[in-house]
Amino acid sequence: LLDDIYFIVLDASDETCMHRMKDRLICKNCCNATKKRSDTSMPEHTCKDCGTRLTIRKEDHDQQFLLQRFEKYHRIIEPIIKKLEKAYKVIHIASEQPLQNLYTIYDQLHRL
């Protein structure tokens, strides 16, 4: 059974993550996150899942808060990933590539 365990890590630079967090709206009801400006499928910025009005999370626009999140990720989570790599199959996916490439990767992973 352990041979069938895979861990997937979506890799992105701190700069990309910061940009993505600053460019999102959150549904307070169901926690759905979406881009502020580019998702035109949501009339007047309402959640496409539950219809609740989307809001900006204040923390996502606080540079110091975001830097602390990245520091914590690098200090705590990355060492855990390195330990997992010694015992399990860890698949790293560069999430900064075009979305169509990620769909292709997803299809390939689904066949594993």
C-alpha atoms as a PDB file:
ATOM      1  CA  LEU A   1       0.000   0.000   0.000  1.00  0.00           C
ATOM      2  CA  LEU A   2       2.842   2.430   0.767  1.00  0.00           C
ATOM      3  CA  ASP A   3       4.009   2.151  -2.838  1.00  0.00           C
ATOM      4  CA  ASP A   4       0.729   3.767  -3.885  1.00  0.00           C
ATOM      5  CA  ILE A   5       1.201   6.916  -1.782  1.00  0.00           C
ATOM      6  CA  TYR A   6       2.151  10.069  -3.670  1.00  0.00           C
ATOM      7  CA  PHE A   7       2.617  13.585  -2.397  1.00  0.00           C
ATOM      8  CA  ILE A   8       2.102  16.460  -4.796  1.00  0.00           C
ATOM      9  CA  VAL A   9       3.876  19.762  -4.189  1.00  0.00           C
ATOM     10  CA  LEU A  10       2.819  22.806  -6.219  1.00  0.00           C
ATOM     11  CA  ASP A  11       5.933  24.938  -6.481  1.00  0.00           C
ATOM     12  CA  ALA A  12       5.808  28.704  -7.041  1.00  0.00           C
ATOM     13  CA  SER A  13       8.131  31.537  -6.130  1.00  0.00           C
ATOM     14  CA  ASP A  14       7.377  33.754  -3.150  1.00  0.00           C
ATOM     15  CA  GLU A  15       6.843  36.643  -5.559  1.00  0.00           C
ATOM     16  CA  THR A  16       4.228  34.718  -7.547  1.00  0.00           C
ATOM     17  CA  CYS A  17       2.425  33.646  -4.379  1.00  0.00           C
ATOM     18  CA  MET A  18       2.429  37.198  -3.069  1.00  0.00           C
ATOM     19  CA  HIS A  19       0.980  38.501  -6.322  1.00  0.00           C
ATOM     20  CA  ARG A  20      -1.713  35.800  -6.312  1.00  0.00           C
ATOM     21  CA  MET A  21      -2.728  36.488  -2.719  1.00  0.00           C
ATOM     22  CA  LYS A  22      -2.940  40.223  -3.326  1.00  0.00           C
ATOM     23  CA  ASP A  23      -5.114  39.591  -6.385  1.00  0.00           C
ATOM     24  CA  ARG A  24      -7.853  37.495  -4.802  1.00  0.00           C
ATOM     25  CA  LEU A  25     -11.224  37.799  -3.216  1.00  0.00           C
ATOM     26  CA  ILE A  26     -12.526  35.386  -0.575  1.00  0.00           C
ATOM     27  CA  CYS A  27     -16.052  34.183   0.173  1.00  0.00           C
ATOM     28  CA  LYS A  28     -16.610  34.448   3.928  1.00  0.00           C
ATOM     29  CA  ASN A  29     -19.331  31.822   3.696  1.00  0.00           C
ATOM     30  CA  CYS A  30     -17.617  28.931   1.870  1.00  0.00           C
ATOM     31  CA  CYS A  31     -13.960  30.194   1.686  1.00  0.00           C
ATOM     32  CA  ASN A  32     -13.897  30.014  -2.128  1.00  0.00           C
ATOM     33  CA  ALA A  33     -11.031  32.157  -3.444  1.00  0.00           C
ATOM     34  CA  THR A  34     -10.949  33.786  -6.853  1.00  0.00           C
ATOM     35  CA  LYS A  35      -9.060  36.477  -8.738  1.00  0.00           C
ATOM     36  CA  LYS A  36     -10.370  40.005  -8.306  1.00  0.00           C
ATOM     37  CA  ARG A  37     -10.061  41.414 -11.743  1.00  0.00           C
ATOM     38  CA  SER A  38      -9.864  38.552 -14.161  1.00  0.00           C
ATOM     39  CA  ASP A  39     -12.816  36.301 -13.303  1.00  0.00           C
ATOM     40  CA  THR A  40     -15.659  37.863 -15.248  1.00  0.00           C
ATOM     41  CA  SER A  41     -17.974  34.898 -14.674  1.00  0.00           C
ATOM     42  CA  MET A  42     -18.942  36.366 -11.282  1.00  0.00           C
ATOM     43  CA  PRO A  43     -21.419  39.218 -11.551  1.00  0.00           C
ATOM     44  CA  GLU A  44     -20.474  42.024  -9.149  1.00  0.00           C
ATOM     45  CA  HIS A  45     -17.967  39.815  -7.342  1.00  0.00           C
ATOM     46  CA  THR A  46     -20.288  37.210  -5.892  1.00  0.00           C
ATOM     47  CA  CYS A  47     -19.204  33.657  -5.119  1.00  0.00           C
ATOM     48  CA  LYS A  48     -19.959  31.295  -8.000  1.00  0.00           C
ATOM     49  CA  ASP A  49     -20.548  28.454  -5.500  1.00  0.00           C
ATOM     50  CA  CYS A  50     -22.880  30.024  -2.931  1.00  0.00           C
ATOM     51  CA  GLY A  51     -23.746  33.516  -4.214  1.00  0.00           C
ATOM     52  CA  THR A  52     -22.296  35.368  -1.198  1.00  0.00           C
ATOM     53  CA  ARG A  53     -20.547  38.677  -1.876  1.00  0.00           C
ATOM     54  CA  LEU A  54     -16.759  38.273  -2.030  1.00  0.00           C
ATOM     55  CA  THR A  55     -14.429  40.361   0.124  1.00  0.00           C
ATOM     56  CA  ILE A  56     -10.736  41.174   0.386  1.00  0.00           C
ATOM     57  CA  ARG A  57      -8.851  39.541   3.247  1.00  0.00           C
ATOM     58  CA  LYS A  58      -6.960  42.340   4.946  1.00  0.00           C
ATOM     59  CA  GLU A  59      -4.067  39.995   5.790  1.00  0.00           C
ATOM     60  CA  ASP A  60      -3.519  39.219   2.096  1.00  0.00           C
ATOM     61  CA  HIS A  61      -2.607  42.862   1.498  1.00  0.00           C
ATOM     62  CA  ASP A  62      -0.253  43.213   4.468  1.00  0.00           C
ATOM     63  CA  GLN A  63       3.282  42.790   3.130  1.00  0.00           C
ATOM     64  CA  GLN A  64       4.762  41.923   6.541  1.00  0.00           C
ATOM     65  CA  PHE A  65       2.095  39.266   7.195  1.00  0.00           C
ATOM     66  CA  LEU A  66       2.767  37.642   3.821  1.00  0.00           C
ATOM     67  CA  LEU A  67       6.530  37.649   4.368  1.00  0.00           C
ATOM     68  CA  GLN A  68       6.003  35.929   7.738  1.00  0.00           C
ATOM     69  CA  ARG A  69       3.879  33.253   6.035  1.00  0.00           C
ATOM     70  CA  PHE A  70       6.622  32.581   3.485  1.00  0.00           C
ATOM     71  CA  GLU A  71       9.319  32.452   6.166  1.00  0.00           C
ATOM     72  CA  LYS A  72       7.233  29.940   8.141  1.00  0.00           C
ATOM     73  CA  TYR A  73       6.709  27.825   5.013  1.00  0.00           C
ATOM     74  CA  HIS A  74      10.449  27.749   4.257  1.00  0.00           C
ATOM     75  CA  ARG A  75      11.390  27.048   7.886  1.00  0.00           C
ATOM     76  CA  ILE A  76       8.751  24.412   8.733  1.00  0.00           C
ATOM     77  CA  ILE A  77       7.109  22.946   5.641  1.00  0.00           C
ATOM     78  CA  GLU A  78      10.090  22.599   3.292  1.00  0.00           C
ATOM     79  CA  PRO A  79      12.032  20.396   5.773  1.00  0.00           C
ATOM     80  CA  ILE A  80       8.954  18.168   6.099  1.00  0.00           C
ATOM     81  CA  ILE A  81       8.798  17.824   2.308  1.00  0.00           C
ATOM     82  CA  LYS A  82      12.491  16.872   2.235  1.00  0.00           C
ATOM     83  CA  LYS A  83      11.834  14.127   4.811  1.00  0.00           C
ATOM     84  CA  LEU A  84       8.842  12.863   2.844  1.00  0.00           C
ATOM     85  CA  GLU A  85      11.004  12.637  -0.285  1.00  0.00           C
ATOM     86  CA  LYS A  86      13.209  10.079   1.463  1.00  0.00           C
ATOM     87  CA  ALA A  87      10.308   7.699   2.121  1.00  0.00           C
ATOM     88  CA  TYR A  88       7.615   8.441  -0.476  1.00  0.00           C
ATOM     89  CA  LYS A  89       7.119   9.526  -4.044  1.00  0.00           C
ATOM     90  CA  VAL A  90       6.921  13.327  -4.065  1.00  0.00           C
ATOM     91  CA  ILE A  91       5.903  14.935  -7.327  1.00  0.00           C
ATOM     92  CA  HIS A  92       6.888  18.596  -7.758  1.00  0.00           C
ATOM     93  CA  ILE A  93       4.795  20.593 -10.194  1.00  0.00           C
ATOM     94  CA  ALA A  94       5.820  24.070 -11.292  1.00  0.00           C
ATOM     95  CA  SER A  95       2.547  25.936 -10.845  1.00  0.00           C
ATOM     96  CA  GLU A  96       3.781  29.043 -12.664  1.00  0.00           C
ATOM     97  CA  GLN A  97       3.331  27.422 -16.058  1.00  0.00           C
ATOM     98  CA  PRO A  98       0.281  27.951 -18.288  1.00  0.00           C
ATOM     99  CA  LEU A  99      -2.961  26.510 -16.972  1.00  0.00           C
ATOM    100  CA  GLN A 100      -3.353  24.195 -19.964  1.00  0.00           C
ATOM    101  CA  ASN A 101      -0.070  22.489 -19.055  1.00  0.00           C
ATOM    102  CA  LEU A 102      -1.365  21.916 -15.525  1.00  0.00           C
ATOM    103  CA  TYR A 103      -4.490  20.225 -16.906  1.00  0.00           C
ATOM    104  CA  THR A 104      -2.253  17.890 -18.908  1.00  0.00           C
ATOM    105  CA  ILE A 105      -0.183  17.106 -15.819  1.00  0.00           C
ATOM    106  CA  TYR A 106      -3.351  16.482 -13.829  1.00  0.00           C
ATOM    107  CA  ASP A 107      -4.546  13.991 -16.456  1.00  0.00           C
ATOM    108  CA  GLN A 108      -1.190  12.193 -16.302  1.00  0.00           C
ATOM    109  CA  LEU A 109      -1.273  12.054 -12.497  1.00  0.00           C
ATOM    110  CA  HIS A 110      -4.825  10.788 -12.525  1.00  0.00           C
ATOM    111  CA  ARG A 111      -3.621   7.715 -14.445  1.00  0.00           C
ATOM    112  CA  LEU A 112      -1.046   6.779 -11.760  1.00  0.00           C
END
